Amino acid sequence: MHAAEIADLRRAFEAAREFTNYVGPDQDAKRSVTLRTPTDHQVKLAALRAGIESMADPAALALLERALLEVAIVGWANLQQSDIVDTASADAMPFDAALVAPLLDAHPDWFTKCVTDLFERLAARTAAKARASKN
């Protein structure tokens, strides 16, 4: 394989795990967040980086949800600077991974919607793997 073919294959692998989540008032179709379902390895790394030693810890799920969502959000469309800071302008806000955490802090309802959809996809993947292993 050539470098260009490898890059194309990697992009296809990442795109296959991406989905769009509409956010904003009444899930306004103009505003969206693009998420990429993390691989199993990325889930394990997020747990380690969040300092999770045991899922028996009551805070573990909340830490894992936040850690995964912060790496799973890979883009957005039609968000404005005022989506993070009320006093900011209504100018477009280009995606920057450094702005994911403040965006989630500013919109707990968006966090809940995105993390719910992300965990549903993770659960579906786990179930599909379990079914495949039985065959």
C-alpha atoms as a PDB file:
ATOM      1  CA  MET A   1       0.000   0.000   0.000  1.00  0.00           C
ATOM      2  CA  HIS A   2       1.127   3.520  -0.731  1.00  0.00           C
ATOM      3  CA  ALA A   3       1.002   6.340   1.814  1.00  0.00           C
ATOM      4  CA  ALA A   4      -1.985   7.920   0.060  1.00  0.00           C
ATOM      5  CA  GLU A   5      -3.907   4.633   0.161  1.00  0.00           C
ATOM      6  CA  ILE A   6      -3.136   4.214   3.862  1.00  0.00           C
ATOM      7  CA  ALA A   7      -4.311   7.775   4.565  1.00  0.00           C
ATOM      8  CA  ASP A   8      -7.517   7.125   2.596  1.00  0.00           C
ATOM      9  CA  LEU A   9      -8.140   3.911   4.533  1.00  0.00           C
ATOM     10  CA  ARG A  10      -7.593   5.681   7.851  1.00  0.00           C
ATOM     11  CA  ARG A  11      -9.988   8.491   6.863  1.00  0.00           C
ATOM     12  CA  ALA A  12     -12.602   5.883   5.861  1.00  0.00           C
ATOM     13  CA  PHE A  13     -12.163   4.078   9.210  1.00  0.00           C
ATOM     14  CA  GLU A  14     -12.663   7.335  11.109  1.00  0.00           C
ATOM     15  CA  ALA A  15     -15.584   8.503   8.952  1.00  0.00           C
ATOM     16  CA  ALA A  16     -17.380   5.189   9.480  1.00  0.00           C
ATOM     17  CA  ARG A  17     -17.424   5.901  13.227  1.00  0.00           C
ATOM     18  CA  GLU A  18     -18.699   9.474  12.904  1.00  0.00           C
ATOM     19  CA  PHE A  19     -22.241  10.684  13.467  1.00  0.00           C
ATOM     20  CA  THR A  20     -23.968  14.021  13.765  1.00  0.00           C
ATOM     21  CA  ASN A  21     -25.879  15.153  16.808  1.00  0.00           C
ATOM     22  CA  TYR A  22     -28.178  18.148  16.412  1.00  0.00           C
ATOM     23  CA  VAL A  23     -28.125  20.545  19.339  1.00  0.00           C
ATOM     24  CA  GLY A  24     -29.589  23.900  20.188  1.00  0.00           C
ATOM     25  CA  PRO A  25     -33.131  25.006  20.759  1.00  0.00           C
ATOM     26  CA  ASP A  26     -35.441  22.108  19.931  1.00  0.00           C
ATOM     27  CA  GLN A  27     -32.452  20.268  18.462  1.00  0.00           C
ATOM     28  CA  ASP A  28     -32.216  23.002  15.839  1.00  0.00           C
ATOM     29  CA  ALA A  29     -30.988  21.329  12.651  1.00  0.00           C
ATOM     30  CA  LYS A  30     -28.738  24.308  11.982  1.00  0.00           C
ATOM     31  CA  ARG A  31     -26.477  23.562  14.943  1.00  0.00           C
ATOM     32  CA  SER A  32     -24.712  20.247  15.059  1.00  0.00           C
ATOM     33  CA  VAL A  33     -21.860  18.469  16.752  1.00  0.00           C
ATOM     34  CA  THR A  34     -19.900  15.734  14.990  1.00  0.00           C
ATOM     35  CA  LEU A  35     -18.842  12.844  17.184  1.00  0.00           C
ATOM     36  CA  ARG A  36     -16.560   9.928  16.446  1.00  0.00           C
ATOM     37  CA  THR A  37     -17.299   6.764  18.405  1.00  0.00           C
ATOM     38  CA  PRO A  38     -14.078   5.904  20.255  1.00  0.00           C
ATOM     39  CA  THR A  39     -12.362   2.585  19.706  1.00  0.00           C
ATOM     40  CA  ASP A  40     -12.101   0.153  22.624  1.00  0.00           C
ATOM     41  CA  HIS A  41      -8.493   1.247  23.048  1.00  0.00           C
ATOM     42  CA  GLN A  42      -9.524   4.904  23.196  1.00  0.00           C
ATOM     43  CA  VAL A  43     -12.139   4.065  25.850  1.00  0.00           C
ATOM     44  CA  LYS A  44      -9.466   2.391  27.986  1.00  0.00           C
ATOM     45  CA  LEU A  45      -7.093   5.346  27.542  1.00  0.00           C
ATOM     46  CA  ALA A  46      -9.819   7.831  28.484  1.00  0.00           C
ATOM     47  CA  ALA A  47     -10.523   5.872  31.663  1.00  0.00           C
ATOM     48  CA  LEU A  48      -6.834   5.832  32.573  1.00  0.00           C
ATOM     49  CA  ARG A  49      -6.403   9.530  31.826  1.00  0.00           C
ATOM     50  CA  ALA A  50      -9.455  10.312  33.961  1.00  0.00           C
ATOM     51  CA  GLY A  51      -7.838   8.399  36.829  1.00  0.00           C
ATOM     52  CA  ILE A  52     -10.545   5.761  36.985  1.00  0.00           C
ATOM     53  CA  GLU A  53      -9.310   2.756  38.913  1.00  0.00           C
ATOM     54  CA  SER A  54     -12.649   1.012  39.348  1.00  0.00           C
ATOM     55  CA  MET A  55     -16.105   1.443  37.883  1.00  0.00           C
ATOM     56  CA  ALA A  56     -17.341   0.705  41.429  1.00  0.00           C
ATOM     57  CA  ASP A  57     -16.388   4.287  42.279  1.00  0.00           C
ATOM     58  CA  PRO A  58     -19.636   6.332  42.125  1.00  0.00           C
ATOM     59  CA  ALA A  59     -17.875   9.152  40.266  1.00  0.00           C
ATOM     60  CA  ALA A  60     -16.331   6.817  37.701  1.00  0.00           C
ATOM     61  CA  LEU A  61     -19.181   6.899  35.211  1.00  0.00           C
ATOM     62  CA  ALA A  62     -19.390  10.703  35.279  1.00  0.00           C
ATOM     63  CA  LEU A  63     -15.624  10.973  34.787  1.00  0.00           C
ATOM     64  CA  LEU A  64     -15.666   8.472  31.939  1.00  0.00           C
ATOM     65  CA  GLU A  65     -18.610  10.146  30.205  1.00  0.00           C
ATOM     66  CA  ARG A  66     -16.882  13.510  30.251  1.00  0.00           C
ATOM     67  CA  ALA A  67     -13.480  12.137  29.216  1.00  0.00           C
ATOM     68  CA  LEU A  68     -14.969  10.210  26.297  1.00  0.00           C
ATOM     69  CA  LEU A  69     -17.143  13.037  25.101  1.00  0.00           C
ATOM     70  CA  GLU A  70     -14.250  15.482  25.141  1.00  0.00           C
ATOM     71  CA  VAL A  71     -12.308  13.259  22.717  1.00  0.00           C
ATOM     72  CA  ALA A  72     -15.329  12.058  20.734  1.00  0.00           C
ATOM     73  CA  ILE A  73     -16.393  15.530  19.596  1.00  0.00           C
ATOM     74  CA  VAL A  74     -14.372  16.100  16.439  1.00  0.00           C
ATOM     75  CA  GLY A  75     -16.271  18.944  14.817  1.00  0.00           C
ATOM     76  CA  TRP A  76     -19.319  21.154  14.773  1.00  0.00           C
ATOM     77  CA  ALA A  77     -21.342  23.275  12.427  1.00  0.00           C
ATOM     78  CA  ASN A  78     -23.146  26.576  12.863  1.00  0.00           C
ATOM     79  CA  LEU A  79     -22.086  27.186  16.446  1.00  0.00           C
ATOM     80  CA  GLN A  80     -21.477  30.744  17.563  1.00  0.00           C
ATOM     81  CA  GLN A  81     -19.078  32.320  20.010  1.00  0.00           C
ATOM     82  CA  SER A  82     -22.107  33.244  22.098  1.00  0.00           C
ATOM     83  CA  ASP A  83     -22.762  29.509  22.558  1.00  0.00           C
ATOM     84  CA  ILE A  84     -19.861  29.511  25.017  1.00  0.00           C
ATOM     85  CA  VAL A  85     -19.936  33.045  26.443  1.00  0.00           C
ATOM     86  CA  ASP A  86     -23.244  34.888  26.605  1.00  0.00           C
ATOM     87  CA  THR A  87     -21.571  38.230  26.074  1.00  0.00           C
ATOM     88  CA  ALA A  88     -19.591  37.081  23.039  1.00  0.00           C
ATOM     89  CA  SER A  89     -20.570  37.837  19.491  1.00  0.00           C
ATOM     90  CA  ALA A  90     -22.879  35.795  17.310  1.00  0.00           C
ATOM     91  CA  ASP A  91     -19.960  35.247  14.935  1.00  0.00           C
ATOM     92  CA  ALA A  92     -19.308  31.719  13.760  1.00  0.00           C
ATOM     93  CA  MET A  93     -17.085  29.649  16.015  1.00  0.00           C
ATOM     94  CA  PRO A  94     -14.760  27.376  14.055  1.00  0.00           C
ATOM     95  CA  PHE A  95     -14.103  23.989  15.630  1.00  0.00           C
ATOM     96  CA  ASP A  96     -11.201  23.801  18.036  1.00  0.00           C
ATOM     97  CA  ALA A  97     -10.755  20.847  20.388  1.00  0.00           C
ATOM     98  CA  ALA A  98      -9.735  23.305  23.137  1.00  0.00           C
ATOM     99  CA  LEU A  99     -13.281  24.727  23.078  1.00  0.00           C
ATOM    100  CA  VAL A 100     -15.072  21.397  23.605  1.00  0.00           C
ATOM    101  CA  ALA A 101     -14.872  21.476  27.416  1.00  0.00           C
ATOM    102  CA  PRO A 102     -16.171  25.074  27.741  1.00  0.00           C
ATOM    103  CA  LEU A 103     -18.977  24.260  25.296  1.00  0.00           C
ATOM    104  CA  LEU A 104     -20.031  21.237  27.368  1.00  0.00           C
ATOM    105  CA  ASP A 105     -19.866  23.321  30.540  1.00  0.00           C
ATOM    106  CA  ALA A 106     -22.053  25.994  28.963  1.00  0.00           C
ATOM    107  CA  HIS A 107     -24.655  23.509  27.740  1.00  0.00           C
ATOM    108  CA  PRO A 108     -25.316  20.596  30.108  1.00  0.00           C
ATOM    109  CA  ASP A 109     -28.345  19.651  28.003  1.00  0.00           C
ATOM    110  CA  TRP A 110     -26.111  19.252  24.933  1.00  0.00           C
ATOM    111  CA  PHE A 111     -23.702  17.187  27.041  1.00  0.00           C
ATOM    112  CA  THR A 112     -26.536  14.881  28.125  1.00  0.00           C
ATOM    113  CA  LYS A 113     -27.855  14.416  24.598  1.00  0.00           C
ATOM    114  CA  CYS A 114     -24.431  13.776  23.101  1.00  0.00           C
ATOM    115  CA  VAL A 115     -23.226  11.423  25.843  1.00  0.00           C
ATOM    116  CA  THR A 116     -26.482   9.436  25.714  1.00  0.00           C
ATOM    117  CA  ASP A 117     -26.171   8.933  21.966  1.00  0.00           C
ATOM    118  CA  LEU A 118     -22.475   8.094  22.259  1.00  0.00           C
ATOM    119  CA  PHE A 119     -23.043   5.483  24.966  1.00  0.00           C
ATOM    120  CA  GLU A 120     -25.907   3.937  22.967  1.00  0.00           C
ATOM    121  CA  ARG A 121     -23.478   3.456  20.076  1.00  0.00           C
ATOM    122  CA  LEU A 122     -20.832   1.998  22.384  1.00  0.00           C
ATOM    123  CA  ALA A 123     -23.396  -0.426  23.834  1.00  0.00           C
ATOM    124  CA  ALA A 124     -24.566  -1.446  20.352  1.00  0.00           C
ATOM    125  CA  ARG A 125     -20.960  -2.121  19.319  1.00  0.00           C
ATOM    126  CA  THR A 126     -20.370  -4.229  22.433  1.00  0.00           C
ATOM    127  CA  ALA A 127     -23.554  -6.230  21.766  1.00  0.00           C
ATOM    128  CA  ALA A 128     -22.577  -6.791  18.128  1.00  0.00           C
ATOM    129  CA  LYS A 129     -19.147  -8.051  19.190  1.00  0.00           C
ATOM    130  CA  ALA A 130     -20.742 -10.403  21.735  1.00  0.00           C
ATOM    131  CA  ARG A 131     -23.092 -11.801  19.076  1.00  0.00           C
ATOM    132  CA  ALA A 132     -20.213 -12.230  16.650  1.00  0.00           C
ATOM    133  CA  SER A 133     -18.120 -14.094  19.200  1.00  0.00           C
ATOM    134  CA  LYS A 134     -20.935 -16.616  19.711  1.00  0.00           C
ATOM    135  CA  ASN A 135     -20.976 -17.487  15.997  1.00  0.00           C
END
